PDB file of N, CA and C in Angstrom:
ATOM      1  N   MET A   1      58.727  27.534  10.854  1.00  0.00           N
ATOM      2  CA  MET A   1      58.849  26.316   9.995  1.00  0.00           C
ATOM      3  C   MET A   1      59.951  26.403   9.126  1.00  0.00           C
ATOM      4  N   GLY A   2      60.611  25.365   8.726  1.00  0.00           N
ATOM      5  CA  GLY A   2      61.724  25.636   7.824  1.00  0.00           C
ATOM      6  C   GLY A   2      62.019  24.370   6.880  1.00  0.00           C
ATOM      7  N   GLY A   3      62.989  24.409   6.001  1.00  0.00           N
ATOM      8  CA  GLY A   3      63.276  23.374   5.061  1.00  0.00           C
ATOM      9  C   GLY A   3      63.043  23.799   3.676  1.00  0.00           C
ATOM     10  N   ASP A   4      63.528  23.062   2.725  1.00  0.00           N
ATOM     11  CA  ASP A   4      63.196  23.102   1.487  1.00  0.00           C
ATOM     12  C   ASP A   4      62.421  22.131   0.826  1.00  0.00           C
ATOM     13  N   GLU A   5      62.227  22.329  -0.456  1.00  0.00           N
ATOM     14  CA  GLU A   5      61.477  21.405  -1.260  1.00  0.00           C
ATOM     15  C   GLU A   5      61.784  19.924  -1.279  1.00  0.00           C
ATOM     16  N   LYS A   6      63.266  19.589  -1.135  1.00  0.00           N
ATOM     17  CA  LYS A   6      63.984  18.209  -1.272  1.00  0.00           C
ATOM     18  C   LYS A   6      63.749  17.757   0.200  1.00  0.00           C
ATOM     19  N   ASP A   7      63.560  18.361   1.270  1.00  0.00           N
ATOM     20  CA  ASP A   7      63.676  17.894   2.566  1.00  0.00           C
ATOM     21  C   ASP A   7      62.264  16.938   2.706  1.00  0.00           C
ATOM     22  N   LEU A   8      62.420  15.653   3.461  1.00  0.00           N
ATOM     23  CA  LEU A   8      61.363  14.846   3.602  1.00  0.00           C
ATOM     24  C   LEU A   8      60.619  15.239   4.925  1.00  0.00           C
ATOM     25  N   LEU A   9      61.240  16.345   5.814  1.00  0.00           N
ATOM     26  CA  LEU A   9      60.751  16.556   7.137  1.00  0.00           C
ATOM     27  C   LEU A   9      60.401  18.172   6.950  1.00  0.00           C
ATOM     28  N   ILE A  10      59.427  18.641   7.657  1.00  0.00           N
ATOM     29  CA  ILE A  10      59.099  19.959   8.123  1.00  0.00           C
ATOM     30  C   ILE A  10      59.514  20.068   9.459  1.00  0.00           C
ATOM     31  N   HIS A  11      60.347  21.291   9.625  1.00  0.00           N
ATOM     32  CA  HIS A  11      60.713  21.635  11.010  1.00  0.00           C
ATOM     33  C   HIS A  11      60.156  22.639  11.611  1.00  0.00           C
ATOM     34  N   ILE A  12      59.360  22.293  12.817  1.00  0.00           N
ATOM     35  CA  ILE A  12      58.435  23.420  13.310  1.00  0.00           C
ATOM     36  C   ILE A  12      58.996  23.809  14.478  1.00  0.00           C
ATOM     37  N   ARG A  13      59.114  25.083  14.743  1.00  0.00           N
ATOM     38  CA  ARG A  13      59.809  25.771  16.055  1.00  0.00           C
ATOM     39  C   ARG A  13      58.518  26.980  16.413  1.00  0.00           C
ATOM     40  N   THR A  14      58.184  26.730  17.715  1.00  0.00           N
ATOM     41  CA  THR A  14      57.030  27.456  17.893  1.00  0.00           C
ATOM     42  C   THR A  14      56.917  27.740  19.368  1.00  0.00           C
ATOM     43  N   HIS A  15      56.262  28.915  19.896  1.00  0.00           N
ATOM     44  CA  HIS A  15      56.067  29.375  21.244  1.00  0.00           C
ATOM     45  C   HIS A  15      54.704  29.172  21.569  1.00  0.00           C
ATOM     46  N   ASN A  16      53.683  28.759  20.481  1.00  0.00           N
ATOM     47  CA  ASN A  16      52.198  28.870  20.772  1.00  0.00           C
ATOM     48  C   ASN A  16      51.953  27.652  21.533  1.00  0.00           C
ATOM     49  N   THR A  17      51.400  27.987  22.604  1.00  0.00           N
ATOM     50  CA  THR A  17      51.082  26.914  23.609  1.00  0.00           C
ATOM     51  C   THR A  17      49.921  26.055  22.991  1.00  0.00           C
ATOM     52  N   ASN A  18      48.970  26.261  22.364  1.00  0.00           N
ATOM     53  CA  ASN A  18      48.059  25.401  21.695  1.00  0.00           C
ATOM     54  C   ASN A  18      48.559  24.475  20.677  1.00  0.00           C
ATOM     55  N   LEU A  19      49.527  24.969  19.756  1.00  0.00           N
ATOM     56  CA  LEU A  19      50.135  24.164  18.922  1.00  0.00           C
ATOM     57  C   LEU A  19      51.216  23.098  19.391  1.00  0.00           C
ATOM     58  N   LYS A  20      52.135  23.734  20.598  1.00  0.00           N
ATOM     59  CA  LYS A  20      52.999  22.931  21.246  1.00  0.00           C
ATOM     60  C   LYS A  20      52.084  21.549  21.835  1.00  0.00           C
ATOM     61  N   LYS A  21      51.063  21.839  22.563  1.00  0.00           N
ATOM     62  CA  LYS A  21      50.264  20.782  23.038  1.00  0.00           C
ATOM     63  C   LYS A  21      49.891  19.765  22.016  1.00  0.00           C
ATOM     64  N   ARG A  22      49.438  20.361  20.932  1.00  0.00           N
ATOM     65  CA  ARG A  22      48.917  19.464  19.825  1.00  0.00           C
ATOM     66  C   ARG A  22      50.043  18.471  19.199  1.00  0.00           C
ATOM     67  N   LEU A  23      51.160  19.435  18.854  1.00  0.00           N
ATOM     68  CA  LEU A  23      52.214  18.684  18.280  1.00  0.00           C
ATOM     69  C   LEU A  23      53.091  17.697  19.301  1.00  0.00           C
ATOM     70  N   LEU A  24      53.040  17.965  20.742  1.00  0.00           N
ATOM     71  CA  LEU A  24      53.485  17.021  21.577  1.00  0.00           C
ATOM     72  C   LEU A  24      52.605  15.804  21.682  1.00  0.00           C
ATOM     73  N   ASP A  25      51.535  15.971  21.702  1.00  0.00           N
ATOM     74  CA  ASP A  25      50.316  14.829  21.965  1.00  0.00           C
ATOM     75  C   ASP A  25      50.497  14.019  20.416  1.00  0.00           C
ATOM     76  N   TYR A  26      50.710  14.663  19.308  1.00  0.00           N
ATOM     77  CA  TYR A  26      50.735  13.934  18.132  1.00  0.00           C
ATOM     78  C   TYR A  26      51.991  13.098  17.918  1.00  0.00           C
ATOM     79  N   SER A  27      53.118  13.638  18.609  1.00  0.00           N
ATOM     80  CA  SER A  27      54.470  13.291  18.653  1.00  0.00           C
ATOM     81  C   SER A  27      54.399  11.952  19.509  1.00  0.00           C
ATOM     82  N   ARG A  28      53.662  11.767  20.547  1.00  0.00           N
ATOM     83  CA  ARG A  28      53.617  10.547  21.212  1.00  0.00           C
ATOM     84  C   ARG A  28      52.745   9.541  20.725  1.00  0.00           C
ATOM     85  N   ARG A  29      51.631   9.984  19.961  1.00  0.00           N
ATOM     86  CA  ARG A  29      50.812   8.920  19.402  1.00  0.00           C
ATOM     87  C   ARG A  29      51.478   8.263  18.085  1.00  0.00           C
ATOM     88  N   TYR A  30      52.247   9.176  17.401  1.00  0.00           N
ATOM     89  CA  TYR A  30      52.710   8.730  16.089  1.00  0.00           C
ATOM     90  C   TYR A  30      54.411   9.085  16.013  1.00  0.00           C
ATOM     91  N   PRO A  31      55.070   8.426  16.796  1.00  0.00           N
ATOM     92  CA  PRO A  31      56.491   8.642  16.987  1.00  0.00           C
ATOM     93  C   PRO A  31      57.341   8.552  15.653  1.00  0.00           C
ATOM     94  N   ALA A  32      56.758   7.536  14.843  1.00  0.00           N
ATOM     95  CA  ALA A  32      57.465   7.304  13.398  1.00  0.00           C
ATOM     96  C   ALA A  32      57.330   8.729  12.569  1.00  0.00           C
ATOM     97  N   ILE A  33      56.198   9.554  12.799  1.00  0.00           N
ATOM     98  CA  ILE A  33      55.981  10.570  11.775  1.00  0.00           C
ATOM     99  C   ILE A  33      56.462  11.744  12.448  1.00  0.00           C
ATOM    100  N   CYS A  34      56.356  12.004  13.643  1.00  0.00           N
ATOM    101  CA  CYS A  34      56.742  13.135  14.360  1.00  0.00           C
ATOM    102  C   CYS A  34      57.518  13.082  15.673  1.00  0.00           C
ATOM    103  N   GLN A  35      58.557  13.719  15.732  1.00  0.00           N
ATOM    104  CA  GLN A  35      59.448  13.812  16.901  1.00  0.00           C
ATOM    105  C   GLN A  35      59.738  15.296  17.392  1.00  0.00           C
ATOM    106  N   GLN A  36      59.729  15.326  18.772  1.00  0.00           N
ATOM    107  CA  GLN A  36      59.752  16.465  19.434  1.00  0.00           C
ATOM    108  C   GLN A  36      61.486  16.439  19.281  1.00  0.00           C
ATOM    109  N   THR A  37      62.209  17.668  18.714  1.00  0.00           N
ATOM    110  CA  THR A  37      63.809  17.686  18.747  1.00  0.00           C
ATOM    111  C   THR A  37      64.135  18.685  19.665  1.00  0.00           C
ATOM    112  N   ASP A  38      63.472  19.520  20.367  1.00  0.00           N
ATOM    113  CA  ASP A  38      64.237  20.526  21.356  1.00  0.00           C
ATOM    114  C   ASP A  38      63.244  21.018  22.082  1.00  0.00           C
ATOM    115  N   ALA A  39      63.531  21.403  23.357  1.00  0.00           N
ATOM    116  CA  ALA A  39      62.506  22.373  24.092  1.00  0.00           C
ATOM    117  C   ALA A  39      63.456  23.470  25.003  1.00  0.00           C
ATOM    118  N   ASP A  40      63.037  24.594  24.900  1.00  0.00           N
ATOM    119  CA  ASP A  40      63.725  25.621  25.717  1.00  0.00           C
ATOM    120  C   ASP A  40      62.896  25.986  26.944  1.00  0.00           C
ATOM    121  N   PRO A  41      63.337  25.525  28.276  1.00  0.00           N
ATOM    122  CA  PRO A  41      62.463  25.877  29.217  1.00  0.00           C
ATOM    123  C   PRO A  41      62.466  27.371  29.640  1.00  0.00           C
ATOM    124  N   GLU A  42      63.503  27.918  29.386  1.00  0.00           N
ATOM    125  CA  GLU A  42      63.486  29.483  29.665  1.00  0.00           C
ATOM    126  C   GLU A  42      62.542  30.202  28.712  1.00  0.00           C
ATOM    127  N   THR A  43      62.488  29.933  27.497  1.00  0.00           N
ATOM    128  CA  THR A  43      61.658  30.607  26.525  1.00  0.00           C
ATOM    129  C   THR A  43      60.335  29.890  26.283  1.00  0.00           C
ATOM    130  N   GLY A  44      60.199  28.860  26.500  1.00  0.00           N
ATOM    131  CA  GLY A  44      58.969  27.963  26.250  1.00  0.00           C
ATOM    132  C   GLY A  44      58.838  27.539  24.733  1.00  0.00           C
ATOM    133  N   CYS A  45      59.872  27.558  24.184  1.00  0.00           N
ATOM    134  CA  CYS A  45      59.919  27.216  22.700  1.00  0.00           C
ATOM    135  C   CYS A  45      60.276  25.887  22.688  1.00  0.00           C
ATOM    136  N   MET A  46      59.441  25.161  21.518  1.00  0.00           N
ATOM    137  CA  MET A  46      59.569  23.722  21.305  1.00  0.00           C
ATOM    138  C   MET A  46      59.746  23.750  19.906  1.00  0.00           C
ATOM    139  N   GLU A  47      60.608  22.640  19.540  1.00  0.00           N
ATOM    140  CA  GLU A  47      60.745  22.307  18.009  1.00  0.00           C
ATOM    141  C   GLU A  47      60.391  20.870  17.902  1.00  0.00           C
ATOM    142  N   PHE A  48      60.004  20.584  16.533  1.00  0.00           N
ATOM    143  CA  PHE A  48      59.367  19.277  16.261  1.00  0.00           C
ATOM    144  C   PHE A  48      59.895  19.174  14.786  1.00  0.00           C
ATOM    145  N   ASP A  49      60.121  17.994  14.264  1.00  0.00           N
ATOM    146  CA  ASP A  49      60.303  17.372  12.990  1.00  0.00           C
ATOM    147  C   ASP A  49      59.070  16.442  12.612  1.00  0.00           C
ATOM    148  N   ILE A  50      58.319  16.863  11.598  1.00  0.00           N
ATOM    149  CA  ILE A  50      57.290  15.916  11.009  1.00  0.00           C
ATOM    150  C   ILE A  50      57.364  15.778   9.720  1.00  0.00           C
ATOM    151  N   GLU A  51      57.133  14.425   9.329  1.00  0.00           N
ATOM    152  CA  GLU A  51      57.135  14.143   7.794  1.00  0.00           C
ATOM    153  C   GLU A  51      56.317  15.099   7.034  1.00  0.00           C
ATOM    154  N   LYS A  52      56.824  15.248   5.900  1.00  0.00           N
ATOM    155  CA  LYS A  52      55.769  16.265   4.887  1.00  0.00           C
ATOM    156  C   LYS A  52      54.612  15.361   4.531  1.00  0.00           C
ATOM    157  N   GLY A  53      53.451  15.984   4.514  1.00  0.00           N
ATOM    158  CA  GLY A  53      52.281  15.464   4.130  1.00  0.00           C
ATOM    159  C   GLY A  53      51.423  15.072   5.346  1.00  0.00           C
ATOM    160  N   TRP A  54      51.842  15.263   6.443  1.00  0.00           N
ATOM    161  CA  TRP A  54      51.378  15.138   7.606  1.00  0.00           C
ATOM    162  C   TRP A  54      50.805  16.360   8.630  1.00  0.00           C
ATOM    163  N   PHE A  55      51.482  17.445   8.035  1.00  0.00           N
ATOM    164  CA  PHE A  55      51.224  18.835   8.646  1.00  0.00           C
ATOM    165  C   PHE A  55      50.781  19.763   7.569  1.00  0.00           C
ATOM    166  N   SER A  56      49.717  20.452   7.924  1.00  0.00           N
ATOM    167  CA  SER A  56      49.257  21.437   6.865  1.00  0.00           C
ATOM    168  C   SER A  56      48.801  22.725   7.784  1.00  0.00           C
ATOM    169  N   PHE A  57      48.735  23.889   7.244  1.00  0.00           N
ATOM    170  CA  PHE A  57      48.340  25.073   7.609  1.00  0.00           C
ATOM    171  C   PHE A  57      47.459  25.817   6.655  1.00  0.00           C
ATOM    172  N   ARG A  58      46.672  26.692   7.074  1.00  0.00           N
ATOM    173  CA  ARG A  58      45.826  27.449   6.002  1.00  0.00           C
ATOM    174  C   ARG A  58      45.846  28.866   6.461  1.00  0.00           C
ATOM    175  N   LEU A  59      45.865  29.783   5.555  1.00  0.00           N
ATOM    176  CA  LEU A  59      45.722  31.122   5.636  1.00  0.00           C
ATOM    177  C   LEU A  59      44.475  31.587   5.096  1.00  0.00           C
ATOM    178  N   THR A  60      43.903  32.318   6.160  1.00  0.00           N
ATOM    179  CA  THR A  60      42.504  32.901   5.916  1.00  0.00           C
ATOM    180  C   THR A  60      42.421  34.366   5.550  1.00  0.00           C
ATOM    181  N   ALA A  61      41.618  34.663   4.780  1.00  0.00           N
ATOM    182  CA  ALA A  61      41.541  36.320   4.878  1.00  0.00           C
ATOM    183  C   ALA A  61      40.646  36.930   6.065  1.00  0.00           C
ATOM    184  N   PRO A  62      41.336  37.929   6.444  1.00  0.00           N
ATOM    185  CA  PRO A  62      40.442  38.708   7.748  1.00  0.00           C
ATOM    186  C   PRO A  62      39.014  38.838   7.343  1.00  0.00           C
ATOM    187  N   CYS A  63      38.153  38.585   8.637  1.00  0.00           N
ATOM    188  CA  CYS A  63      36.963  38.886   8.437  1.00  0.00           C
ATOM    189  C   CYS A  63      36.363  40.372   8.347  1.00  0.00           C
ATOM    190  N   SER A  64      35.571  40.797   7.745  1.00  0.00           N
ATOM    191  CA  SER A  64      35.005  41.967   7.697  1.00  0.00           C
ATOM    192  C   SER A  64      34.700  42.378   9.113  1.00  0.00           C
ATOM    193  N   GLU A  65      34.579  43.789   9.346  1.00  0.00           N
ATOM    194  CA  GLU A  65      33.825  44.113  10.745  1.00  0.00           C
ATOM    195  C   GLU A  65      32.495  43.679  10.789  1.00  0.00           C
ATOM    196  N   LYS A  66      31.684  43.671   9.740  1.00  0.00           N
ATOM    197  CA  LYS A  66      30.333  43.474   9.684  1.00  0.00           C
ATOM    198  C   LYS A  66      30.235  41.914   9.977  1.00  0.00           C
ATOM    199  N   ARG A  67      31.217  41.044   9.339  1.00  0.00           N
ATOM    200  CA  ARG A  67      31.043  39.608   9.688  1.00  0.00           C
ATOM    201  C   ARG A  67      31.304  39.402  10.949  1.00  0.00           C
ATOM    202  N   ARG A  68      32.443  39.962  11.692  1.00  0.00           N
ATOM    203  CA  ARG A  68      32.978  40.018  13.029  1.00  0.00           C
ATOM    204  C   ARG A  68      31.678  40.111  13.963  1.00  0.00           C
ATOM    205  N   ARG A  69      30.994  41.197  13.617  1.00  0.00           N
ATOM    206  CA  ARG A  69      29.827  41.430  14.563  1.00  0.00           C
ATOM    207  C   ARG A  69      28.637  40.623  14.292  1.00  0.00           C
ATOM    208  N   ALA A  70      28.493  40.057  13.317  1.00  0.00           N
ATOM    209  CA  ALA A  70      27.411  39.214  13.214  1.00  0.00           C
ATOM    210  C   ALA A  70      27.865  37.822  13.763  1.00  0.00           C
ATOM    211  N   ALA A  71      29.239  37.429  13.768  1.00  0.00           N
ATOM    212  CA  ALA A  71      29.348  36.189  14.472  1.00  0.00           C
ATOM    213  C   ALA A  71      29.502  36.261  16.075  1.00  0.00           C
ATOM    214  N   SER A  72      29.859  37.597  16.479  1.00  0.00           N
ATOM    215  CA  SER A  72      29.811  37.804  17.933  1.00  0.00           C
ATOM    216  C   SER A  72      28.502  37.709  18.382  1.00  0.00           C
ATOM    217  N   GLU A  73      27.600  38.298  17.475  1.00  0.00           N
ATOM    218  CA  GLU A  73      26.123  38.253  18.186  1.00  0.00           C
ATOM    219  C   GLU A  73      25.468  36.960  18.005  1.00  0.00           C
ATOM    220  N   ALA A  74      25.915  36.238  17.101  1.00  0.00           N
ATOM    221  CA  ALA A  74      25.430  34.674  17.086  1.00  0.00           C
ATOM    222  C   ALA A  74      25.795  34.035  18.191  1.00  0.00           C
ATOM    223  N   ALA A  75      27.261  34.060  18.547  1.00  0.00           N
ATOM    224  CA  ALA A  75      27.759  33.470  19.727  1.00  0.00           C
ATOM    225  C   ALA A  75      27.090  33.858  21.020  1.00  0.00           C
ATOM    226  N   LYS A  76      26.888  35.010  21.089  1.00  0.00           N
ATOM    227  CA  LYS A  76      26.229  35.630  22.427  1.00  0.00           C
ATOM    228  C   LYS A  76      24.681  34.891  22.589  1.00  0.00           C
ATOM    229  N   ALA A  77      24.119  34.858  21.333  1.00  0.00           N
ATOM    230  CA  ALA A  77      22.695  34.326  21.446  1.00  0.00           C
ATOM    231  C   ALA A  77      22.443  32.855  21.435  1.00  0.00           C
ATOM    232  N   ALA A  78      23.857  32.154  21.211  1.00  0.00           N
ATOM    233  CA  ALA A  78      23.563  30.590  21.221  1.00  0.00           C
ATOM    234  C   ALA A  78      23.527  30.177  22.668  1.00  0.00           C
ATOM    235  N   PRO A  79      22.680  29.228  22.713  1.00  0.00           N
ATOM    236  CA  PRO A  79      22.493  28.518  24.118  1.00  0.00           C
ATOM    237  C   PRO A  79      23.780  27.978  24.702  1.00  0.00           C
ATOM    238  N   GLN A  80      23.819  27.950  26.046  1.00  0.00           N
ATOM    239  CA  GLN A  80      25.088  27.530  26.594  1.00  0.00           C
ATOM    240  C   GLN A  80      24.967  26.399  27.366  1.00  0.00           C
TER     241      GLN A  80
END
């Protein structure tokens, strides 16, 4: 991701398959807000421009080992 505070757009460059799919779908649904700007079939990289205010990400602290184990056990015990 790039840009500075004055830019009206956020530039996103990613190889992440899930993020590429989500951004591609979003760009097709909302072309006035988000556009795919490039794709490299050799590397699988895609680039998008999206208006500021419509894209966000969050950083979370890593889980403790105890919390990971508890979540794993809860997932295993959950009915499928």
